[in-house]
C-alpha atoms as a PDB file:
ATOM      1  CA  MET A   1      19.960  17.358   6.472  1.00  0.00           C
ATOM      2  CA  LYS A   2      17.609  20.340   6.438  1.00  0.00           C
ATOM      3  CA  ALA A   3      17.518  22.999   3.753  1.00  0.00           C
ATOM      4  CA  VAL A   4      15.407  26.055   2.986  1.00  0.00           C
ATOM      5  CA  LEU A   5      15.222  26.829  -0.724  1.00  0.00           C
ATOM      6  CA  ASN A   6      11.785  28.509  -0.788  1.00  0.00           C
ATOM      7  CA  CYS A   7      10.795  26.421  -3.802  1.00  0.00           C
ATOM      8  CA  LEU A   8       8.103  24.138  -2.370  1.00  0.00           C
ATOM      9  CA  PRO A   9       4.712  25.261  -1.013  1.00  0.00           C
ATOM     10  CA  ARG A  10       4.349  25.447   2.752  1.00  0.00           C
ATOM     11  CA  GLY A  11       1.319  26.050   4.937  1.00  0.00           C
ATOM     12  CA  VAL A  12      -1.202  24.934   2.314  1.00  0.00           C
ATOM     13  CA  ASP A  13      -4.069  22.449   2.602  1.00  0.00           C
ATOM     14  CA  ASN A  14      -4.146  18.888   1.298  1.00  0.00           C
ATOM     15  CA  ALA A  15      -5.942  19.812  -1.917  1.00  0.00           C
ATOM     16  CA  ALA A  16      -3.312  22.430  -2.766  1.00  0.00           C
ATOM     17  CA  CYS A  17      -0.541  19.912  -2.074  1.00  0.00           C
ATOM     18  CA  ARG A  18      -2.133  17.370  -4.384  1.00  0.00           C
ATOM     19  CA  ASP A  19      -2.605  19.986  -7.084  1.00  0.00           C
ATOM     20  CA  PHE A  20       1.052  21.015  -6.899  1.00  0.00           C
ATOM     21  CA  ILE A  21       2.288  17.413  -6.987  1.00  0.00           C
ATOM     22  CA  GLU A  22       0.045  16.497  -9.923  1.00  0.00           C
ATOM     23  CA  ASN A  23       0.392  19.639 -12.023  1.00  0.00           C
ATOM     24  CA  ALA A  24       3.641  21.485 -11.268  1.00  0.00           C
ATOM     25  CA  PRO A  25       6.033  21.171 -14.237  1.00  0.00           C
ATOM     26  CA  LEU A  26       9.388  19.485 -13.784  1.00  0.00           C
ATOM     27  CA  THR A  27      11.080  22.900 -13.885  1.00  0.00           C
ATOM     28  CA  SER A  28       9.379  23.776 -10.572  1.00  0.00           C
ATOM     29  CA  TRP A  29      11.080  20.815  -8.908  1.00  0.00           C
ATOM     30  CA  LEU A  30      14.522  21.133 -10.482  1.00  0.00           C
ATOM     31  CA  PRO A  31      16.026  23.538  -7.897  1.00  0.00           C
ATOM     32  CA  VAL A  32      15.254  20.998  -5.158  1.00  0.00           C
ATOM     33  CA  LEU A  33      16.345  17.988  -7.196  1.00  0.00           C
ATOM     34  CA  ASP A  34      19.608  19.572  -8.306  1.00  0.00           C
ATOM     35  CA  HIS A  35      20.309  20.657  -4.719  1.00  0.00           C
ATOM     36  CA  LEU A  36      19.916  17.034  -3.625  1.00  0.00           C
ATOM     37  CA  ARG A  37      22.043  15.854  -6.560  1.00  0.00           C
ATOM     38  CA  GLN A  38      24.902  18.054  -5.380  1.00  0.00           C
ATOM     39  CA  ALA A  39      24.427  17.348  -1.663  1.00  0.00           C
ATOM     40  CA  PHE A  40      24.443  13.566  -2.091  1.00  0.00           C
ATOM     41  CA  GLY A  41      26.773  13.253  -5.068  1.00  0.00           C
ATOM     42  CA  LEU A  42      24.125  11.804  -7.352  1.00  0.00           C
ATOM     43  CA  ALA A  43      24.820  11.082 -11.010  1.00  0.00           C
ATOM     44  CA  ASP A  44      24.561  13.599 -13.807  1.00  0.00           C
ATOM     45  CA  GLY A  45      21.724  13.291 -16.271  1.00  0.00           C
ATOM     46  CA  PRO A  46      18.101  14.325 -16.760  1.00  0.00           C
ATOM     47  CA  TRP A  47      15.471  13.884 -14.065  1.00  0.00           C
ATOM     48  CA  GLU A  48      12.360  11.848 -14.817  1.00  0.00           C
ATOM     49  CA  ASN A  49       8.990  12.777 -13.295  1.00  0.00           C
ATOM     50  CA  ILE A  50       7.225   9.542 -12.283  1.00  0.00           C
ATOM     51  CA  PRO A  51       3.437  10.133 -12.035  1.00  0.00           C
ATOM     52  CA  GLN A  52       2.661   7.410  -9.526  1.00  0.00           C
ATOM     53  CA  GLY A  53       1.245   7.531  -6.005  1.00  0.00           C
ATOM     54  CA  SER A  54       0.282  10.465  -3.807  1.00  0.00           C
ATOM     55  CA  ASN A  55       3.776  11.928  -3.381  1.00  0.00           C
ATOM     56  CA  ALA A  56       6.192  13.557  -5.819  1.00  0.00           C
ATOM     57  CA  LEU A  57       8.447  10.909  -7.351  1.00  0.00           C
ATOM     58  CA  PHE A  58      11.492  11.438  -9.562  1.00  0.00           C
ATOM     59  CA  GLY A  59      13.981   9.084 -11.172  1.00  0.00           C
ATOM     60  CA  LEU A  60      17.648   9.587 -12.027  1.00  0.00           C
ATOM     61  CA  LYS A  61      19.429   6.554 -13.491  1.00  0.00           C
ATOM     62  CA  GLY A  62      19.603   4.094 -10.566  1.00  0.00           C
ATOM     63  CA  VAL A  63      18.081   6.460  -7.997  1.00  0.00           C
ATOM     64  CA  ILE A  64      14.571   7.446  -6.899  1.00  0.00           C
ATOM     65  CA  VAL A  65      13.779  10.663  -5.013  1.00  0.00           C
ATOM     66  CA  LYS A  66      10.474  10.897  -3.165  1.00  0.00           C
ATOM     67  CA  LEU A  67       9.262  14.273  -1.860  1.00  0.00           C
ATOM     68  CA  VAL A  68       6.539  14.106   0.784  1.00  0.00           C
ATOM     69  CA  PRO A  69       4.626  17.279   1.774  1.00  0.00           C
ATOM     70  CA  PRO A  70       4.384  18.211   5.463  1.00  0.00           C
ATOM     71  CA  ASN A  71       0.635  17.509   5.358  1.00  0.00           C
ATOM     72  CA  TRP A  72       1.296  13.764   5.355  1.00  0.00           C
ATOM     73  CA  ARG A  73       4.932  13.652   6.429  1.00  0.00           C
ATOM     74  CA  ARG A  74       4.320  10.449   8.428  1.00  0.00           C
ATOM     75  CA  GLN A  75       4.530   8.611   5.100  1.00  0.00           C
ATOM     76  CA  GLY A  76       8.031   9.932   4.522  1.00  0.00           C
ATOM     77  CA  ASP A  77       9.076   9.164   8.086  1.00  0.00           C
ATOM     78  CA  LYS A  78       7.871   5.578   7.660  1.00  0.00           C
ATOM     79  CA  GLU A  79       9.788   5.148   4.403  1.00  0.00           C
ATOM     80  CA  ILE A  80      12.964   6.240   6.205  1.00  0.00           C
ATOM     81  CA  LEU A  81      12.358   3.842   9.099  1.00  0.00           C
ATOM     82  CA  VAL A  82      11.234   0.800   7.118  1.00  0.00           C
ATOM     83  CA  ALA A  83      13.873   0.788   4.348  1.00  0.00           C
ATOM     84  CA  PRO A  84      16.716  -0.400   6.627  1.00  0.00           C
ATOM     85  CA  LEU A  85      14.322  -2.647   8.576  1.00  0.00           C
ATOM     86  CA  LEU A  86      13.521  -4.721   5.476  1.00  0.00           C
ATOM     87  CA  GLU A  87      16.886  -4.561   3.724  1.00  0.00           C
ATOM     88  CA  GLY A  88      18.014  -8.090   2.890  1.00  0.00           C
ATOM     89  CA  LYS A  89      15.103  -9.690   4.774  1.00  0.00           C
ATOM     90  CA  LEU A  90      12.864 -10.667   1.836  1.00  0.00           C
ATOM     91  CA  SER A  91      13.108 -12.768  -1.303  1.00  0.00           C
ATOM     92  CA  LEU A  92      12.189  -9.584  -3.228  1.00  0.00           C
ATOM     93  CA  GLN A  93      14.290  -6.450  -3.533  1.00  0.00           C
ATOM     94  CA  THR A  94      13.334  -3.413  -1.472  1.00  0.00           C
ATOM     95  CA  PRO A  95      14.673   0.118  -2.004  1.00  0.00           C
ATOM     96  CA  GLY A  96      17.962   0.813  -0.233  1.00  0.00           C
ATOM     97  CA  LEU A  97      18.132   4.111   1.657  1.00  0.00           C
ATOM     98  CA  ILE A  98      20.713   6.536   0.236  1.00  0.00           C
ATOM     99  CA  GLY A  99      19.738   9.717   2.067  1.00  0.00           C
ATOM    100  CA  ASN A 100      16.916  11.619   3.716  1.00  0.00           C
ATOM    101  CA  GLY A 101      16.067  14.939   5.308  1.00  0.00           C
ATOM    102  CA  GLU A 102      13.896  18.006   4.749  1.00  0.00           C
ATOM    103  CA  VAL A 103      13.670  20.726   2.127  1.00  0.00           C
ATOM    104  CA  ASP A 104      11.180  23.543   2.734  1.00  0.00           C
ATOM    105  CA  ASP A 105       9.537  21.321   5.391  1.00  0.00           C
ATOM    106  CA  TRP A 106       8.967  18.561   2.812  1.00  0.00           C
ATOM    107  CA  VAL A 107      10.531  15.206   3.654  1.00  0.00           C
ATOM    108  CA  PHE A 108      12.843  13.835   0.991  1.00  0.00           C
ATOM    109  CA  VAL A 109      13.782  10.169   0.730  1.00  0.00           C
ATOM    110  CA  ILE A 110      16.493   9.054  -1.698  1.00  0.00           C
ATOM    111  CA  THR A 111      16.602   5.329  -2.452  1.00  0.00           C
ATOM    112  CA  THR A 112      17.992   2.883  -4.951  1.00  0.00           C
ATOM    113  CA  ARG A 113      15.823   2.195  -7.981  1.00  0.00           C
ATOM    114  CA  LEU A 114      14.556  -1.360  -8.291  1.00  0.00           C
ATOM    115  CA  ASP A 115      14.874  -3.465 -11.435  1.00  0.00           C
ATOM    116  CA  GLY A 116      11.851  -4.504 -13.455  1.00  0.00           C
ATOM    117  CA  VAL A 117       8.529  -2.919 -14.330  1.00  0.00           C
ATOM    118  CA  VAL A 118       5.583  -2.027 -12.146  1.00  0.00           C
ATOM    119  CA  LEU A 119       3.376  -5.128 -12.016  1.00  0.00           C
ATOM    120  CA  ALA A 120       0.280  -3.028 -12.764  1.00  0.00           C
ATOM    121  CA  ASP A 121       1.652  -2.369 -16.257  1.00  0.00           C
ATOM    122  CA  VAL A 122       1.524  -6.059 -17.195  1.00  0.00           C
ATOM    123  CA  TRP A 123      -1.036  -7.634 -14.833  1.00  0.00           C
ATOM    124  CA  PRO A 124      -4.050  -7.261 -17.189  1.00  0.00           C
ATOM    125  CA  THR A 125      -2.132  -9.036 -19.983  1.00  0.00           C
ATOM    126  CA  LEU A 126      -1.172 -12.144 -17.989  1.00  0.00           C
ATOM    127  CA  ASP A 127      -3.028 -15.429 -18.322  1.00  0.00           C
ATOM    128  CA  ILE A 128      -4.533 -17.158 -15.293  1.00  0.00           C
ATOM    129  CA  GLU A 129      -1.563 -19.510 -14.817  1.00  0.00           C
ATOM    130  CA  GLN A 130       0.947 -16.652 -14.752  1.00  0.00           C
ATOM    131  CA  LYS A 131      -1.275 -14.761 -12.330  1.00  0.00           C
ATOM    132  CA  ARG A 132      -1.614 -17.856 -10.173  1.00  0.00           C
ATOM    133  CA  ALA A 133       2.183 -18.222  -9.981  1.00  0.00           C
ATOM    134  CA  ILE A 134       2.517 -14.596  -8.919  1.00  0.00           C
ATOM    135  CA  MET A 135      -0.197 -15.025  -6.288  1.00  0.00           C
ATOM    136  CA  MET A 136       1.768 -17.969  -4.880  1.00  0.00           C
ATOM    137  CA  GLN A 137       4.832 -15.739  -4.757  1.00  0.00           C
ATOM    138  CA  THR A 138       2.774 -13.031  -3.056  1.00  0.00           C
ATOM    139  CA  GLY A 139       1.701 -15.489  -0.372  1.00  0.00           C
ATOM    140  CA  GLN A 140       5.366 -16.275   0.253  1.00  0.00           C
ATOM    141  CA  LEU A 141       6.081 -12.538   0.508  1.00  0.00           C
ATOM    142  CA  LEU A 142       3.365 -12.161   3.150  1.00  0.00           C
ATOM    143  CA  ARG A 143       4.936 -14.993   5.154  1.00  0.00           C
ATOM    144  CA  GLU A 144       8.315 -13.277   4.983  1.00  0.00           C
ATOM    145  CA  LEU A 145       6.879  -9.936   6.078  1.00  0.00           C
ATOM    146  CA  ARG A 146       5.154 -11.648   8.995  1.00  0.00           C
ATOM    147  CA  ALA A 147       8.557 -12.938  10.161  1.00  0.00           C
ATOM    148  CA  VAL A 148      10.432  -9.605  10.013  1.00  0.00           C
ATOM    149  CA  ALA A 149      12.042  -8.806  13.378  1.00  0.00           C
ATOM    150  CA  PHE A 150      11.736  -5.337  14.929  1.00  0.00           C
ATOM    151  CA  ALA A 151      12.556  -3.515  18.161  1.00  0.00           C
ATOM    152  CA  ASP A 152       9.935  -3.397  20.908  1.00  0.00           C
ATOM    153  CA  ASP A 153       9.890   0.402  20.818  1.00  0.00           C
ATOM    154  CA  ILE A 154       9.680   0.802  17.036  1.00  0.00           C
ATOM    155  CA  ALA A 155       7.854   4.014  16.159  1.00  0.00           C
ATOM    156  CA  ILE A 156       5.300   2.442  13.799  1.00  0.00           C
ATOM    157  CA  LYS A 157       3.881   0.043  16.398  1.00  0.00           C
ATOM    158  CA  VAL A 158       0.217   0.755  17.177  1.00  0.00           C
ATOM    159  CA  ASP A 159      -1.931  -0.030  20.207  1.00  0.00           C
ATOM    160  CA  TRP A 160      -4.189  -2.507  18.446  1.00  0.00           C
ATOM    161  CA  PRO A 161      -7.542  -2.036  20.256  1.00  0.00           C
ATOM    162  CA  SER A 162      -7.241   1.758  20.067  1.00  0.00           C
ATOM    163  CA  TYR A 163      -6.078   1.618  16.469  1.00  0.00           C
ATOM    164  CA  VAL A 164      -8.982  -0.551  15.318  1.00  0.00           C
ATOM    165  CA  GLN A 165     -11.521   1.528  17.245  1.00  0.00           C
ATOM    166  CA  GLY A 166     -10.141   4.663  15.616  1.00  0.00           C
ATOM    167  CA  LEU A 167     -10.591   3.081  12.190  1.00  0.00           C
ATOM    168  CA  VAL A 168     -14.205   2.195  12.986  1.00  0.00           C
ATOM    169  CA  ASP A 169     -14.920   5.664  14.374  1.00  0.00           C
ATOM    170  CA  GLY A 170     -13.489   7.403  11.314  1.00  0.00           C
ATOM    171  CA  CYS A 171     -14.834   5.283   8.477  1.00  0.00           C
ATOM    172  CA  MET A 172     -18.336   6.724   8.104  1.00  0.00           C
ATOM    173  CA  ALA A 173     -17.194  10.267   7.375  1.00  0.00           C
ATOM    174  CA  ARG A 174     -14.893   8.939   4.659  1.00  0.00           C
ATOM    175  CA  HIS A 175     -17.649   6.843   3.064  1.00  0.00           C
ATOM    176  CA  ARG A 176     -19.943   9.891   2.995  1.00  0.00           C
ATOM    177  CA  ARG A 177     -17.239  12.018   1.359  1.00  0.00           C
ATOM    178  CA  ARG A 178     -16.807   9.356  -1.293  1.00  0.00           C
ATOM    179  CA  MET A 179     -20.516   9.200  -2.018  1.00  0.00           C
ATOM    180  CA  MET A 180     -21.275   5.669  -0.893  1.00  0.00           C
ATOM    181  CA  PRO A 181     -24.943   4.926  -1.727  1.00  0.00           C
ATOM    182  CA  GLU A 182     -27.186   5.598   1.256  1.00  0.00           C
ATOM    183  CA  GLY A 183     -28.621   2.080   1.268  1.00  0.00           C
ATOM    184  CA  LEU A 184     -25.156   0.598   1.786  1.00  0.00           C
ATOM    185  CA  LEU A 185     -23.954   3.396   4.047  1.00  0.00           C
ATOM    186  CA  GLU A 186     -26.631   2.764   6.658  1.00  0.00           C
ATOM    187  CA  GLN A 187     -25.590  -0.900   6.838  1.00  0.00           C
ATOM    188  CA  VAL A 188     -21.878  -0.245   7.461  1.00  0.00           C
ATOM    189  CA  LEU A 189     -21.770   0.031  11.258  1.00  0.00           C
ATOM    190  CA  PRO A 190     -24.234  -2.828  11.901  1.00  0.00           C
ATOM    191  CA  TYR A 191     -22.184  -5.038   9.571  1.00  0.00           C
ATOM    192  CA  ILE A 192     -18.931  -4.151  11.338  1.00  0.00           C
ATOM    193  CA  ALA A 193     -20.560  -4.796  14.719  1.00  0.00           C
ATOM    194  CA  ALA A 194     -21.717  -8.230  13.543  1.00  0.00           C
ATOM    195  CA  ALA A 195     -18.148  -8.949  12.394  1.00  0.00           C
ATOM    196  CA  ARG A 196     -16.744  -7.988  15.794  1.00  0.00           C
ATOM    197  CA  ASP A 197     -13.959 -10.548  15.441  1.00  0.00           C
ATOM    198  CA  PHE A 198     -12.764  -9.045  12.151  1.00  0.00           C
ATOM    199  CA  ALA A 199      -9.452  -7.852  13.584  1.00  0.00           C
ATOM    200  CA  GLN A 200      -8.774 -10.215  16.449  1.00  0.00           C
ATOM    201  CA  GLN A 201      -5.623  -9.335  18.333  1.00  0.00           C
ATOM    202  CA  GLY A 202      -2.923 -11.847  17.470  1.00  0.00           C
ATOM    203  CA  THR A 203       0.861 -11.839  17.431  1.00  0.00           C
ATOM    204  CA  LEU A 204       2.555  -8.528  16.650  1.00  0.00           C
ATOM    205  CA  ARG A 205       3.838  -8.445  13.078  1.00  0.00           C
ATOM    206  CA  PHE A 206       4.954  -6.115  10.333  1.00  0.00           C
ATOM    207  CA  ILE A 207       2.054  -5.068   8.081  1.00  0.00           C
ATOM    208  CA  HIS A 208       2.872  -3.353   4.780  1.00  0.00           C
ATOM    209  CA  MET A 209      -0.854  -2.537   4.386  1.00  0.00           C
ATOM    210  CA  ASP A 210      -0.752  -1.779   0.664  1.00  0.00           C
ATOM    211  CA  ILE A 211       0.455  -4.779  -1.356  1.00  0.00           C
ATOM    212  CA  HIS A 212      -1.023  -4.449  -4.840  1.00  0.00           C
ATOM    213  CA  PRO A 213       0.211  -4.290  -8.459  1.00  0.00           C
ATOM    214  CA  TRP A 214       1.268  -0.623  -8.217  1.00  0.00           C
ATOM    215  CA  ASN A 215       3.644  -1.405  -5.332  1.00  0.00           C
ATOM    216  CA  LEU A 216       5.172  -4.563  -6.782  1.00  0.00           C
ATOM    217  CA  MET A 217       7.924  -4.828  -9.383  1.00  0.00           C
ATOM    218  CA  ALA A 218       8.164  -7.717 -11.838  1.00  0.00           C
ATOM    219  CA  LYS A 219      10.454  -9.140 -14.519  1.00  0.00           C
ATOM    220  CA  GLN A 220       9.942 -11.601 -17.341  1.00  0.00           C
ATOM    221  CA  GLU A 221      12.188 -14.611 -16.829  1.00  0.00           C
ATOM    222  CA  GLU A 222      12.241 -17.849 -18.843  1.00  0.00           C
ATOM    223  CA  GLY A 223       8.982 -16.980 -20.559  1.00  0.00           C
ATOM    224  CA  GLY A 224       7.048 -16.068 -17.417  1.00  0.00           C
ATOM    225  CA  TRP A 225       6.674 -13.105 -15.111  1.00  0.00           C
ATOM    226  CA  LYS A 226       8.008 -13.123 -11.550  1.00  0.00           C
ATOM    227  CA  LEU A 227       7.885 -10.613  -8.719  1.00  0.00           C
ATOM    228  CA  THR A 228      11.220  -8.901  -8.126  1.00  0.00           C
ATOM    229  CA  GLY A 229      10.575  -5.976  -5.800  1.00  0.00           C
ATOM    230  CA  LEU A 230       8.336  -4.381  -3.168  1.00  0.00           C
ATOM    231  CA  LEU A 231       7.818  -0.616  -2.869  1.00  0.00           C
ATOM    232  CA  ASP A 232       6.112   2.079  -0.814  1.00  0.00           C
ATOM    233  CA  PHE A 233       6.121   1.713   2.957  1.00  0.00           C
ATOM    234  CA  GLY A 234       4.252   4.915   3.790  1.00  0.00           C
ATOM    235  CA  ASP A 235       1.267   3.040   5.276  1.00  0.00           C
ATOM    236  CA  ALA A 236       3.227   0.351   7.135  1.00  0.00           C
ATOM    237  CA  ILE A 237       2.517  -0.459  10.780  1.00  0.00           C
ATOM    238  CA  ILE A 238       3.433  -3.013  13.405  1.00  0.00           C
ATOM    239  CA  GLY A 239       0.050  -4.481  14.333  1.00  0.00           C
ATOM    240  CA  ASN A 240      -1.785  -7.600  15.404  1.00  0.00           C
ATOM    241  CA  SER A 241      -3.813  -8.940  12.469  1.00  0.00           C
ATOM    242  CA  ASP A 242      -2.913 -10.320   9.052  1.00  0.00           C
ATOM    243  CA  ARG A 243      -6.358  -9.576   7.608  1.00  0.00           C
ATOM    244  CA  PHE A 244      -5.297  -6.065   6.612  1.00  0.00           C
ATOM    245  CA  GLU A 245      -2.253  -7.509   4.804  1.00  0.00           C
ATOM    246  CA  LEU A 246      -4.305 -10.083   2.900  1.00  0.00           C
ATOM    247  CA  LEU A 247      -6.934  -7.540   1.897  1.00  0.00           C
ATOM    248  CA  THR A 248      -5.255  -5.548  -0.874  1.00  0.00           C
ATOM    249  CA  PRO A 249      -3.816  -8.440  -2.921  1.00  0.00           C
ATOM    250  CA  MET A 250      -7.180 -10.177  -2.650  1.00  0.00           C
ATOM    251  CA  ILE A 251      -8.991  -7.124  -4.031  1.00  0.00           C
ATOM    252  CA  PHE A 252      -6.533  -5.736  -6.580  1.00  0.00           C
ATOM    253  CA  MET A 253      -4.847  -8.944  -7.761  1.00  0.00           C
ATOM    254  CA  ALA A 254      -7.364 -11.775  -7.312  1.00  0.00           C
ATOM    255  CA  GLN A 255     -10.215  -9.503  -8.496  1.00  0.00           C
ATOM    256  CA  GLY A 256     -12.907 -12.028  -7.650  1.00  0.00           C
ATOM    257  CA  SER A 257     -11.123 -15.113  -9.013  1.00  0.00           C
ATOM    258  CA  PRO A 258     -11.536 -18.165  -6.733  1.00  0.00           C
ATOM    259  CA  VAL A 259      -8.438 -19.703  -8.345  1.00  0.00           C
ATOM    260  CA  LEU A 260      -6.246 -16.722  -7.463  1.00  0.00           C
ATOM    261  CA  LEU A 261      -7.691 -16.359  -3.963  1.00  0.00           C
ATOM    262  CA  LYS A 262      -7.006 -20.032  -3.298  1.00  0.00           C
ATOM    263  CA  ALA A 263      -3.431 -19.703  -4.561  1.00  0.00           C
ATOM    264  CA  LEU A 264      -2.740 -16.769  -2.244  1.00  0.00           C
ATOM    265  CA  LEU A 265      -4.262 -18.400   0.828  1.00  0.00           C
ATOM    266  CA  GLU A 266      -2.585 -21.762   0.227  1.00  0.00           C
ATOM    267  CA  SER A 267       0.798 -20.109  -0.201  1.00  0.00           C
ATOM    268  CA  TYR A 268       0.321 -17.892   2.847  1.00  0.00           C
ATOM    269  CA  GLY A 269      -1.020 -20.782   4.897  1.00  0.00           C
ATOM    270  CA  ALA A 270      -1.685 -19.074   8.232  1.00  0.00           C
ATOM    271  CA  ILE A 271      -5.295 -17.930   8.344  1.00  0.00           C
ATOM    272  CA  GLY A 272      -6.329 -20.335  11.098  1.00  0.00           C
ATOM    273  CA  ASP A 273      -9.387 -22.543  11.453  1.00  0.00           C
ATOM    274  CA  ILE A 274     -12.108 -20.340  10.004  1.00  0.00           C
ATOM    275  CA  SER A 275     -15.092 -20.907   7.722  1.00  0.00           C
ATOM    276  CA  PRO A 276     -15.196 -19.230   4.296  1.00  0.00           C
ATOM    277  CA  SER A 277     -18.198 -17.091   5.303  1.00  0.00           C
ATOM    278  CA  ALA A 278     -16.468 -15.899   8.479  1.00  0.00           C
ATOM    279  CA  LEU A 279     -13.312 -14.996   6.554  1.00  0.00           C
ATOM    280  CA  GLN A 280     -15.394 -13.129   3.968  1.00  0.00           C
ATOM    281  CA  ARG A 281     -17.033 -11.184   6.791  1.00  0.00           C
ATOM    282  CA  GLN A 282     -13.694 -10.300   8.384  1.00  0.00           C
ATOM    283  CA  LEU A 283     -12.151  -9.171   5.109  1.00  0.00           C
ATOM    284  CA  THR A 284     -15.166  -7.058   4.164  1.00  0.00           C
ATOM    285  CA  ALA A 285     -15.158  -5.378   7.579  1.00  0.00           C
ATOM    286  CA  CYS A 286     -11.449  -4.635   7.106  1.00  0.00           C
ATOM    287  CA  MET A 287     -12.216  -3.157   3.683  1.00  0.00           C
ATOM    288  CA  LEU A 288     -14.812  -0.882   5.267  1.00  0.00           C
ATOM    289  CA  VAL A 289     -12.483   0.489   7.960  1.00  0.00           C
ATOM    290  CA  ARG A 290      -9.037   0.340   6.338  1.00  0.00           C
ATOM    291  CA  PRO A 291      -7.276   3.742   6.416  1.00  0.00           C
ATOM    292  CA  ASP A 292      -8.048   5.837   3.326  1.00  0.00           C
ATOM    293  CA  SER A 293      -9.984   2.980   1.723  1.00  0.00           C
ATOM    294  CA  ASP A 294     -12.208   3.967  -1.201  1.00  0.00           C
ATOM    295  CA  VAL A 295     -14.670   1.096  -0.914  1.00  0.00           C
ATOM    296  CA  MET A 296     -16.578   1.885  -4.099  1.00  0.00           C
ATOM    297  CA  PHE A 297     -13.298   1.861  -6.048  1.00  0.00           C
ATOM    298  CA  CYS A 298     -12.404  -1.466  -4.434  1.00  0.00           C
ATOM    299  CA  MET A 299     -15.756  -2.911  -5.471  1.00  0.00           C
ATOM    300  CA  ARG A 300     -15.143  -1.882  -9.079  1.00  0.00           C
ATOM    301  CA  GLN A 301     -12.091  -4.172  -9.190  1.00  0.00           C
ATOM    302  CA  VAL A 302     -14.352  -7.246  -9.057  1.00  0.00           C
ATOM    303  CA  PRO A 303     -16.867  -8.052 -11.828  1.00  0.00           C
ATOM    304  CA  ILE A 304     -20.497  -7.820 -10.737  1.00  0.00           C
ATOM    305  CA  SER A 305     -22.025 -11.300 -10.611  1.00  0.00           C
ATOM    306  CA  GLY A 306     -25.306 -10.567  -8.852  1.00  0.00           C
ATOM    307  CA  PRO A 307     -27.097  -8.056  -6.626  1.00  0.00           C
ATOM    308  CA  ARG A 308     -25.002  -5.802  -4.387  1.00  0.00           C
ATOM    309  CA  ASP A 309     -27.745  -4.572  -2.107  1.00  0.00           C
ATOM    310  CA  ASN A 310     -26.076  -5.536   1.171  1.00  0.00           C
ATOM    311  CA  TRP A 311     -22.608  -6.259   2.499  1.00  0.00           C
ATOM    312  CA  GLU A 312     -23.224 -10.007   2.692  1.00  0.00           C
ATOM    313  CA  GLN A 313     -23.820 -10.102  -1.072  1.00  0.00           C
ATOM    314  CA  ILE A 314     -20.798  -7.878  -1.667  1.00  0.00           C
ATOM    315  CA  ALA A 315     -18.578 -10.032   0.581  1.00  0.00           C
ATOM    316  CA  ALA A 316     -19.477 -13.161  -1.387  1.00  0.00           C
ATOM    317  CA  GLN A 317     -18.543 -11.466  -4.678  1.00  0.00           C
ATOM    318  CA  MET A 318     -15.383  -9.751  -3.440  1.00  0.00           C
ATOM    319  CA  PHE A 319     -13.943 -12.807  -1.709  1.00  0.00           C
ATOM    320  CA  PRO A 320     -15.330 -16.025  -3.299  1.00  0.00           C
ATOM    321  CA  ILE A 321     -13.273 -18.324  -1.103  1.00  0.00           C
END
């Protein structure tokens, strides 16, 4: 379905898109949302603006509508492709696809709304044993994602050597934009070169790329919290290394805890015969080149426990395996 309502901005830069998504009142979106309500027979009731993520997100009873600007429409296209790919394949719920199309060149994706709360809302309040149980469950999720079947010609499959080289080539400009300290910046490429095996080409597999508390749903059951759902497939690829999949839960969930890192790795159980220092090096190199990674923000997730003058020191603090 394609529609032209002349309600959403077109032909504007990324900054203008972000500004509109973050600051436009709900009334600016209602013509589009009510058009979709009528077109897809959605329920009556008020729309809820959900201020989460980089795209416009709205809730209506058991339904979520995501509006993705043309500037990064690939995220919307991936959501449309991945939703049916994962349906019924995991121990966690994933959003079911209800409808999709374009309005004013923006991609819309209508999905079922998952039960539970966003894990990020409760993660800081959980004790270490509850967090450990969830990390074990996350390791199981990573195993399940690794086993997802897909067609040989699936559109999100990347040519691994070219993909990784592109990440390396593009990372320095991003680190400069995000004001990485010069002393660390000048060490980035030598560190990546020394970790040349950081993304060894292995078996093709599904990689969500962004598993962290903001993309996981949870429920309290029998006195403890359990994962119930997985969201947001806009960064997903079919690629050849699990290091990128391990990276985000290690940073944003383990947050420098050896206990939580161990729980994740033991549950996942497929990292191969590798020394702790080599795995730290691989993960840190992945952190430095990962698409859209804000490395300084990542580093702030882990308490400082010593000098951070070089990437070896940072690797030991980020991933105390």
